[in-house]
Protein backbone atom coordinates (compact mmCIF):
# COMPACT_ATOMS: atom_id res chain seq x y z
CA UNK A 1 0.00 0.00 0.00
CA UNK A 2 2.86 2.39 0.80
CA UNK A 3 4.37 1.89 -2.65
CA UNK A 4 1.59 4.09 -4.11
CA UNK A 5 2.59 7.08 -1.97
CA UNK A 6 5.10 9.64 -3.23
CA UNK A 7 8.71 9.10 -2.14
CA UNK A 8 8.72 12.26 0.04
CA UNK A 9 5.78 10.98 2.08
CA UNK A 10 7.37 7.52 2.48
CA UNK A 11 10.61 9.16 3.65
CA UNK A 12 8.70 11.33 6.09
CA UNK A 13 6.85 8.32 7.52
CA UNK A 14 10.11 6.39 7.93
CA UNK A 15 11.76 9.36 9.68
CA UNK A 16 8.77 9.76 12.02
CA UNK A 17 8.83 6.04 12.85
CA UNK A 18 12.57 6.18 13.61
CA UNK A 19 12.12 9.28 15.80
CA UNK A 20 9.34 7.53 17.75
CA UNK A 21 11.53 4.46 18.32
CA UNK A 22 14.33 6.70 19.66
CA UNK A 23 11.96 8.58 21.94
CA UNK A 24 10.42 5.44 23.44
CA UNK A 25 13.69 3.60 24.02
CA UNK A 26 15.48 4.02 27.35
CA UNK A 27 18.37 1.89 26.13
CA UNK A 28 21.59 3.70 25.21
CA UNK A 29 25.01 2.65 23.98
CA UNK A 30 27.97 4.57 25.44
CA UNK A 31 31.52 4.50 24.17
CA UNK A 32 34.35 7.02 24.16
CA UNK A 33 32.20 9.87 25.49
CA UNK A 34 29.46 9.26 22.90
CA UNK A 35 25.91 8.14 23.70
CA UNK A 36 23.52 6.78 21.04
CA UNK A 37 19.93 5.54 21.57
CA UNK A 38 19.23 1.87 20.80
CA UNK A 39 16.33 1.39 18.40
CA UNK A 40 15.90 -2.36 18.90
CA UNK A 41 17.52 -5.03 21.06
CA UNK A 42 17.53 -8.79 20.47
CA UNK A 43 19.44 -11.78 21.76
CA UNK A 44 22.95 -11.27 20.41
CA UNK A 45 22.65 -7.73 19.06
CA UNK A 46 20.97 -4.35 18.76
CA UNK A 47 20.15 -1.71 16.15
CA UNK A 48 21.27 1.93 16.09
CA UNK A 49 20.32 4.83 13.84
CA UNK A 50 22.69 4.72 10.84
CA UNK A 51 22.36 8.50 10.45
CA UNK A 52 24.13 8.95 13.80
CA UNK A 53 26.87 6.34 13.33
CA UNK A 54 28.00 4.33 10.31
CA UNK A 55 30.44 1.89 11.89
CA UNK A 56 30.97 0.45 15.37
CA UNK A 57 33.36 -2.20 16.67
CA UNK A 58 34.92 -3.01 20.00
CA UNK A 59 33.79 -2.75 23.59
CA UNK A 60 30.71 -0.63 24.39
CA UNK A 61 28.50 -0.21 27.45
CA UNK A 62 24.74 -0.76 27.23
CA UNK A 63 22.64 1.35 29.63
CA UNK A 64 18.97 1.35 30.58
CA UNK A 65 18.56 4.95 31.66
CA UNK A 66 21.48 5.43 34.06
CA UNK A 67 21.74 1.73 35.04
CA UNK A 68 24.55 -0.24 33.39
CA UNK A 69 23.04 -3.35 31.82
CA UNK A 70 26.12 -4.99 30.28
CA UNK A 71 29.45 -4.57 28.52
CA UNK A 72 29.19 -5.73 24.89
CA UNK A 73 31.98 -6.70 22.50
CA UNK A 74 30.79 -5.68 19.01
CA UNK A 75 32.23 -7.92 16.28
CA UNK A 76 29.95 -7.20 13.34
CA UNK A 77 28.07 -4.07 12.28
CA UNK A 78 26.13 -3.77 9.01
CA UNK A 79 24.01 -0.89 7.71
CA UNK A 80 20.60 -2.10 6.56
CA UNK A 81 17.43 -0.04 5.92
CA UNK A 82 18.78 3.02 7.73
CA UNK A 83 19.84 1.04 10.80
CA UNK A 84 23.27 -0.06 11.97
CA UNK A 85 22.77 -3.68 13.01
CA UNK A 86 25.39 -4.59 15.62
CA UNK A 87 26.06 -8.15 16.70
CA UNK A 88 28.10 -8.84 19.78
CA UNK A 89 30.39 -11.73 20.55
CA UNK A 90 29.82 -11.47 24.27
CA UNK A 91 27.76 -9.50 26.75
CA UNK A 92 29.17 -9.37 30.27
CA UNK A 93 26.92 -8.43 33.15
CA UNK A 94 28.41 -5.87 35.56
CA UNK A 95 29.41 -6.99 39.05
CA UNK A 96 29.92 -5.06 42.26
CA UNK A 97 33.23 -6.75 43.13
CA UNK A 98 36.34 -7.65 41.17
CA UNK A 99 36.76 -11.19 39.82
CA UNK A 100 38.90 -13.61 41.82
CA UNK A 101 41.74 -15.61 40.30
CA UNK A 102 41.35 -18.66 42.56
CA UNK A 103 38.69 -21.23 43.37
CA UNK A 104 36.69 -20.80 46.56
CA UNK A 105 35.48 -23.89 48.38
CA UNK A 106 31.93 -23.03 49.47
CA UNK A 107 31.98 -25.77 52.15
CA UNK A 108 35.31 -24.79 53.71
CA UNK A 109 35.30 -23.80 57.34
CA UNK A 110 35.58 -20.05 57.76
CA UNK A 111 35.14 -19.40 54.03
CA UNK A 112 33.80 -15.92 53.28
CA UNK A 113 30.22 -15.87 52.07
CA UNK A 114 29.50 -14.25 48.74
C-alpha atoms as a PDB file:
ATOM      1  CA  UNK A   1       0.000   0.000   0.000  1.00  0.00           C
ATOM      2  CA  UNK A   2       2.863   2.394   0.802  1.00  0.00           C
ATOM      3  CA  UNK A   3       4.371   1.888  -2.653  1.00  0.00           C
ATOM      4  CA  UNK A   4       1.587   4.093  -4.107  1.00  0.00           C
ATOM      5  CA  UNK A   5       2.591   7.079  -1.967  1.00  0.00           C
ATOM      6  CA  UNK A   6       5.097   9.644  -3.226  1.00  0.00           C
ATOM      7  CA  UNK A   7       8.713   9.101  -2.136  1.00  0.00           C
ATOM      8  CA  UNK A   8       8.720  12.261   0.044  1.00  0.00           C
ATOM      9  CA  UNK A   9       5.783  10.982   2.081  1.00  0.00           C
ATOM     10  CA  UNK A  10       7.368   7.520   2.483  1.00  0.00           C
ATOM     11  CA  UNK A  11      10.612   9.158   3.648  1.00  0.00           C
ATOM     12  CA  UNK A  12       8.695  11.328   6.090  1.00  0.00           C
ATOM     13  CA  UNK A  13       6.848   8.317   7.517  1.00  0.00           C
ATOM     14  CA  UNK A  14      10.113   6.392   7.928  1.00  0.00           C
ATOM     15  CA  UNK A  15      11.757   9.361   9.681  1.00  0.00           C
ATOM     16  CA  UNK A  16       8.770   9.759  12.022  1.00  0.00           C
ATOM     17  CA  UNK A  17       8.831   6.042  12.853  1.00  0.00           C
ATOM     18  CA  UNK A  18      12.568   6.178  13.607  1.00  0.00           C
ATOM     19  CA  UNK A  19      12.124   9.276  15.797  1.00  0.00           C
ATOM     20  CA  UNK A  20       9.339   7.531  17.748  1.00  0.00           C
ATOM     21  CA  UNK A  21      11.526   4.465  18.322  1.00  0.00           C
ATOM     22  CA  UNK A  22      14.330   6.702  19.662  1.00  0.00           C
ATOM     23  CA  UNK A  23      11.964   8.584  21.942  1.00  0.00           C
ATOM     24  CA  UNK A  24      10.417   5.441  23.436  1.00  0.00           C
ATOM     25  CA  UNK A  25      13.686   3.604  24.020  1.00  0.00           C
ATOM     26  CA  UNK A  26      15.481   4.024  27.354  1.00  0.00           C
ATOM     27  CA  UNK A  27      18.374   1.891  26.130  1.00  0.00           C
ATOM     28  CA  UNK A  28      21.588   3.705  25.207  1.00  0.00           C
ATOM     29  CA  UNK A  29      25.014   2.646  23.985  1.00  0.00           C
ATOM     30  CA  UNK A  30      27.968   4.567  25.445  1.00  0.00           C
ATOM     31  CA  UNK A  31      31.524   4.498  24.166  1.00  0.00           C
ATOM     32  CA  UNK A  32      34.349   7.020  24.163  1.00  0.00           C
ATOM     33  CA  UNK A  33      32.196   9.868  25.493  1.00  0.00           C
ATOM     34  CA  UNK A  34      29.455   9.264  22.895  1.00  0.00           C
ATOM     35  CA  UNK A  35      25.908   8.136  23.703  1.00  0.00           C
ATOM     36  CA  UNK A  36      23.525   6.778  21.044  1.00  0.00           C
ATOM     37  CA  UNK A  37      19.928   5.544  21.570  1.00  0.00           C
ATOM     38  CA  UNK A  38      19.233   1.870  20.805  1.00  0.00           C
ATOM     39  CA  UNK A  39      16.333   1.392  18.395  1.00  0.00           C
ATOM     40  CA  UNK A  40      15.903  -2.361  18.904  1.00  0.00           C
ATOM     41  CA  UNK A  41      17.524  -5.030  21.063  1.00  0.00           C
ATOM     42  CA  UNK A  42      17.533  -8.787  20.466  1.00  0.00           C
ATOM     43  CA  UNK A  43      19.442 -11.777  21.762  1.00  0.00           C
ATOM     44  CA  UNK A  44      22.948 -11.271  20.407  1.00  0.00           C
ATOM     45  CA  UNK A  45      22.653  -7.726  19.061  1.00  0.00           C
ATOM     46  CA  UNK A  46      20.974  -4.353  18.761  1.00  0.00           C
ATOM     47  CA  UNK A  47      20.146  -1.711  16.148  1.00  0.00           C
ATOM     48  CA  UNK A  48      21.265   1.929  16.095  1.00  0.00           C
ATOM     49  CA  UNK A  49      20.324   4.829  13.835  1.00  0.00           C
ATOM     50  CA  UNK A  50      22.691   4.717  10.837  1.00  0.00           C
ATOM     51  CA  UNK A  51      22.360   8.504  10.446  1.00  0.00           C
ATOM     52  CA  UNK A  52      24.133   8.948  13.803  1.00  0.00           C
ATOM     53  CA  UNK A  53      26.867   6.344  13.328  1.00  0.00           C
ATOM     54  CA  UNK A  54      27.997   4.334  10.314  1.00  0.00           C
ATOM     55  CA  UNK A  55      30.443   1.886  11.890  1.00  0.00           C
ATOM     56  CA  UNK A  56      30.968   0.446  15.367  1.00  0.00           C
ATOM     57  CA  UNK A  57      33.360  -2.202  16.667  1.00  0.00           C
ATOM     58  CA  UNK A  58      34.922  -3.008  19.998  1.00  0.00           C
ATOM     59  CA  UNK A  59      33.792  -2.754  23.591  1.00  0.00           C
ATOM     60  CA  UNK A  60      30.714  -0.630  24.390  1.00  0.00           C
ATOM     61  CA  UNK A  61      28.500  -0.208  27.454  1.00  0.00           C
ATOM     62  CA  UNK A  62      24.742  -0.758  27.229  1.00  0.00           C
ATOM     63  CA  UNK A  63      22.645   1.350  29.634  1.00  0.00           C
ATOM     64  CA  UNK A  64      18.973   1.354  30.578  1.00  0.00           C
ATOM     65  CA  UNK A  65      18.557   4.954  31.658  1.00  0.00           C
ATOM     66  CA  UNK A  66      21.481   5.432  34.063  1.00  0.00           C
ATOM     67  CA  UNK A  67      21.743   1.732  35.041  1.00  0.00           C
ATOM     68  CA  UNK A  68      24.553  -0.241  33.394  1.00  0.00           C
ATOM     69  CA  UNK A  69      23.042  -3.351  31.821  1.00  0.00           C
ATOM     70  CA  UNK A  70      26.118  -4.991  30.280  1.00  0.00           C
ATOM     71  CA  UNK A  71      29.446  -4.570  28.521  1.00  0.00           C
ATOM     72  CA  UNK A  72      29.190  -5.729  24.886  1.00  0.00           C
ATOM     73  CA  UNK A  73      31.982  -6.698  22.498  1.00  0.00           C
ATOM     74  CA  UNK A  74      30.788  -5.684  19.009  1.00  0.00           C
ATOM     75  CA  UNK A  75      32.234  -7.916  16.285  1.00  0.00           C
ATOM     76  CA  UNK A  76      29.951  -7.196  13.338  1.00  0.00           C
ATOM     77  CA  UNK A  77      28.072  -4.072  12.282  1.00  0.00           C
ATOM     78  CA  UNK A  78      26.132  -3.772   9.014  1.00  0.00           C
ATOM     79  CA  UNK A  79      24.012  -0.894   7.710  1.00  0.00           C
ATOM     80  CA  UNK A  80      20.599  -2.099   6.560  1.00  0.00           C
ATOM     81  CA  UNK A  81      17.434  -0.036   5.923  1.00  0.00           C
ATOM     82  CA  UNK A  82      18.784   3.024   7.734  1.00  0.00           C
ATOM     83  CA  UNK A  83      19.836   1.041  10.804  1.00  0.00           C
ATOM     84  CA  UNK A  84      23.269  -0.056  11.965  1.00  0.00           C
ATOM     85  CA  UNK A  85      22.775  -3.680  13.009  1.00  0.00           C
ATOM     86  CA  UNK A  86      25.390  -4.585  15.623  1.00  0.00           C
ATOM     87  CA  UNK A  87      26.056  -8.150  16.697  1.00  0.00           C
ATOM     88  CA  UNK A  88      28.098  -8.838  19.776  1.00  0.00           C
ATOM     89  CA  UNK A  89      30.391 -11.730  20.548  1.00  0.00           C
ATOM     90  CA  UNK A  90      29.819 -11.474  24.274  1.00  0.00           C
ATOM     91  CA  UNK A  91      27.762  -9.498  26.745  1.00  0.00           C
ATOM     92  CA  UNK A  92      29.168  -9.368  30.270  1.00  0.00           C
ATOM     93  CA  UNK A  93      26.918  -8.427  33.155  1.00  0.00           C
ATOM     94  CA  UNK A  94      28.415  -5.874  35.563  1.00  0.00           C
ATOM     95  CA  UNK A  95      29.408  -6.994  39.052  1.00  0.00           C
ATOM     96  CA  UNK A  96      29.916  -5.058  42.259  1.00  0.00           C
ATOM     97  CA  UNK A  97      33.226  -6.751  43.127  1.00  0.00           C
ATOM     98  CA  UNK A  98      36.335  -7.646  41.169  1.00  0.00           C
ATOM     99  CA  UNK A  99      36.763 -11.188  39.822  1.00  0.00           C
ATOM    100  CA  UNK A 100      38.901 -13.612  41.821  1.00  0.00           C
ATOM    101  CA  UNK A 101      41.737 -15.611  40.304  1.00  0.00           C
ATOM    102  CA  UNK A 102      41.348 -18.655  42.556  1.00  0.00           C
ATOM    103  CA  UNK A 103      38.691 -21.225  43.368  1.00  0.00           C
ATOM    104  CA  UNK A 104      36.692 -20.799  46.559  1.00  0.00           C
ATOM    105  CA  UNK A 105      35.480 -23.887  48.380  1.00  0.00           C
ATOM    106  CA  UNK A 106      31.933 -23.025  49.467  1.00  0.00           C
ATOM    107  CA  UNK A 107      31.979 -25.768  52.146  1.00  0.00           C
ATOM    108  CA  UNK A 108      35.306 -24.794  53.707  1.00  0.00           C
ATOM    109  CA  UNK A 109      35.295 -23.798  57.341  1.00  0.00           C
ATOM    110  CA  UNK A 110      35.585 -20.054  57.761  1.00  0.00           C
ATOM    111  CA  UNK A 111      35.144 -19.396  54.028  1.00  0.00           C
ATOM    112  CA  UNK A 112      33.799 -15.922  53.282  1.00  0.00           C
ATOM    113  CA  UNK A 113      30.223 -15.872  52.069  1.00  0.00           C
ATOM    114  CA  UNK A 114      29.503 -14.253  48.739  1.00  0.00           C
END
